[in-house]
Amino acid sequence: MIIKRGVVVSHPGAMEWGVGKVVEVEAMRASIQFSDGIIRKIAASHYSQLLQADVAAFVELPENVPLVKVRATTTRVKKVKQAVS
């Protein structure tokens, strides 16, 4: 398979990524935007693992999806000084 911009592929070793669309091709790697919203760089030596996928299977996420940041909150216990007797 020839990897070029616009080709839709899937990675059989990472089906949880979903289907991806090639967005950039460089000499040694290709940038692929997968349906999970992450752009991954795949080395040219791994192109043989990629499978061509159906164009209709690629679901592009909208650009204006708000990011939800989750903060881990901890409750601190305030120490009260006691008088020395």
C-alpha atoms as a PDB file:
ATOM      1  CA  MET A   1       0.000   0.000   0.000  1.00  0.00           C
ATOM      2  CA  ILE A   2       1.239   3.488  -0.826  1.00  0.00           C
ATOM      3  CA  ILE A   3       1.064   5.942   2.059  1.00  0.00           C
ATOM      4  CA  LYS A   4       0.154   9.427   0.889  1.00  0.00           C
ATOM      5  CA  ARG A   5      -1.848  12.347   2.238  1.00  0.00           C
ATOM      6  CA  GLY A   6      -5.589  11.620   2.473  1.00  0.00           C
ATOM      7  CA  VAL A   7      -5.322   7.821   2.541  1.00  0.00           C
ATOM      8  CA  VAL A   8      -7.471   6.170   5.239  1.00  0.00           C
ATOM      9  CA  VAL A   9      -5.787   3.352   7.164  1.00  0.00           C
ATOM     10  CA  SER A  10      -6.156   1.208  10.259  1.00  0.00           C
ATOM     11  CA  HIS A  11      -3.507  -0.335  12.482  1.00  0.00           C
ATOM     12  CA  PRO A  12      -4.356  -3.985  13.265  1.00  0.00           C
ATOM     13  CA  GLY A  13      -2.196  -3.905  16.397  1.00  0.00           C
ATOM     14  CA  ALA A  14      -4.119  -0.969  17.854  1.00  0.00           C
ATOM     15  CA  MET A  15      -7.774  -1.294  16.912  1.00  0.00           C
ATOM     16  CA  GLU A  16      -8.740   0.940  19.871  1.00  0.00           C
ATOM     17  CA  TRP A  17      -7.285   3.910  17.924  1.00  0.00           C
ATOM     18  CA  GLY A  18      -9.965   3.514  15.289  1.00  0.00           C
ATOM     19  CA  VAL A  19      -9.484   4.397  11.630  1.00  0.00           C
ATOM     20  CA  GLY A  20      -6.910   7.039  10.731  1.00  0.00           C
ATOM     21  CA  LYS A  21      -6.369   9.523   7.933  1.00  0.00           C
ATOM     22  CA  VAL A  22      -2.852  10.374   6.752  1.00  0.00           C
ATOM     23  CA  VAL A  23      -2.375  14.116   7.262  1.00  0.00           C
ATOM     24  CA  GLU A  24       1.349  14.455   6.504  1.00  0.00           C
ATOM     25  CA  VAL A  25       4.049  12.307   4.947  1.00  0.00           C
ATOM     26  CA  GLU A  26       7.742  12.935   5.579  1.00  0.00           C
ATOM     27  CA  ALA A  27      10.814  11.001   4.477  1.00  0.00           C
ATOM     28  CA  MET A  28      10.952   8.726   7.523  1.00  0.00           C
ATOM     29  CA  ARG A  29       7.404   8.842   8.966  1.00  0.00           C
ATOM     30  CA  ALA A  30       3.781   9.722   8.403  1.00  0.00           C
ATOM     31  CA  SER A  31       1.453  11.659  10.706  1.00  0.00           C
ATOM     32  CA  ILE A  32      -1.927   9.974  10.973  1.00  0.00           C
ATOM     33  CA  GLN A  33      -4.988  11.408  12.723  1.00  0.00           C
ATOM     34  CA  PHE A  34      -6.949   8.542  14.224  1.00  0.00           C
ATOM     35  CA  SER A  35     -10.635   8.529  15.154  1.00  0.00           C
ATOM     36  CA  ASP A  36      -9.768   8.740  18.847  1.00  0.00           C
ATOM     37  CA  GLY A  37      -8.566  12.301  18.173  1.00  0.00           C
ATOM     38  CA  ILE A  38      -4.837  11.703  18.521  1.00  0.00           C
ATOM     39  CA  ILE A  39      -2.324  12.327  15.742  1.00  0.00           C
ATOM     40  CA  ARG A  40       0.328   9.619  15.802  1.00  0.00           C
ATOM     41  CA  LYS A  41       3.588   9.463  13.876  1.00  0.00           C
ATOM     42  CA  ILE A  42       4.208   6.081  12.294  1.00  0.00           C
ATOM     43  CA  ALA A  43       7.733   5.224  11.116  1.00  0.00           C
ATOM     44  CA  ALA A  44       8.180   4.293   7.455  1.00  0.00           C
ATOM     45  CA  SER A  45       9.505   0.899   8.548  1.00  0.00           C
ATOM     46  CA  HIS A  46       6.019   0.108   9.952  1.00  0.00           C
ATOM     47  CA  TYR A  47       3.970   1.074   6.873  1.00  0.00           C
ATOM     48  CA  SER A  48       3.628  -2.607   5.966  1.00  0.00           C
ATOM     49  CA  GLN A  49       1.556  -3.155   9.135  1.00  0.00           C
ATOM     50  CA  LEU A  50      -1.060  -0.563   8.138  1.00  0.00           C
ATOM     51  CA  LEU A  51      -4.184  -1.743   6.335  1.00  0.00           C
ATOM     52  CA  GLN A  52      -6.253   0.304   3.941  1.00  0.00           C
ATOM     53  CA  ALA A  53      -9.624   1.161   5.480  1.00  0.00           C
ATOM     54  CA  ASP A  54     -12.981   2.342   4.200  1.00  0.00           C
ATOM     55  CA  VAL A  55     -13.139   6.139   3.822  1.00  0.00           C
ATOM     56  CA  ALA A  56     -16.643   6.173   5.353  1.00  0.00           C
ATOM     57  CA  ALA A  57     -15.283   4.526   8.520  1.00  0.00           C
ATOM     58  CA  PHE A  58     -13.124   7.551   9.390  1.00  0.00           C
ATOM     59  CA  VAL A  59     -14.886   9.855  11.820  1.00  0.00           C
ATOM     60  CA  GLU A  60     -13.171  13.208  12.161  1.00  0.00           C
ATOM     61  CA  LEU A  61     -13.635  14.987  15.466  1.00  0.00           C
ATOM     62  CA  PRO A  62     -14.837  18.597  15.251  1.00  0.00           C
ATOM     63  CA  GLU A  63     -12.110  21.180  15.830  1.00  0.00           C
ATOM     64  CA  ASN A  64     -14.029  23.059  18.505  1.00  0.00           C
ATOM     65  CA  VAL A  65     -14.532  20.189  20.943  1.00  0.00           C
ATOM     66  CA  PRO A  66     -13.859  21.611  24.413  1.00  0.00           C
ATOM     67  CA  LEU A  67     -11.217  19.869  26.459  1.00  0.00           C
ATOM     68  CA  VAL A  68     -12.339  18.714  29.857  1.00  0.00           C
ATOM     69  CA  LYS A  69      -9.622  18.981  32.444  1.00  0.00           C
ATOM     70  CA  VAL A  70     -10.063  16.904  35.555  1.00  0.00           C
ATOM     71  CA  ARG A  71      -8.245  17.964  38.663  1.00  0.00           C
ATOM     72  CA  ALA A  72      -7.435  15.586  41.424  1.00  0.00           C
ATOM     73  CA  THR A  73      -8.609  17.248  44.608  1.00  0.00           C
ATOM     74  CA  THR A  74      -7.399  16.351  48.019  1.00  0.00           C
ATOM     75  CA  THR A  75      -8.788  17.640  51.263  1.00  0.00           C
ATOM     76  CA  ARG A  76      -6.183  18.964  53.613  1.00  0.00           C
ATOM     77  CA  VAL A  77      -6.734  18.779  57.321  1.00  0.00           C
ATOM     78  CA  LYS A  78      -5.795  21.984  59.059  1.00  0.00           C
ATOM     79  CA  LYS A  79      -3.615  21.440  62.101  1.00  0.00           C
ATOM     80  CA  VAL A  80      -4.677  23.277  65.222  1.00  0.00           C
ATOM     81  CA  LYS A  81      -1.976  24.295  67.624  1.00  0.00           C
ATOM     82  CA  GLN A  82      -2.690  23.303  71.181  1.00  0.00           C
ATOM     83  CA  ALA A  83      -1.483  25.166  74.222  1.00  0.00           C
ATOM     84  CA  VAL A  84       1.337  23.506  76.122  1.00  0.00           C
ATOM     85  CA  SER A  85       0.337  22.779  79.707  1.00  0.00           C
END
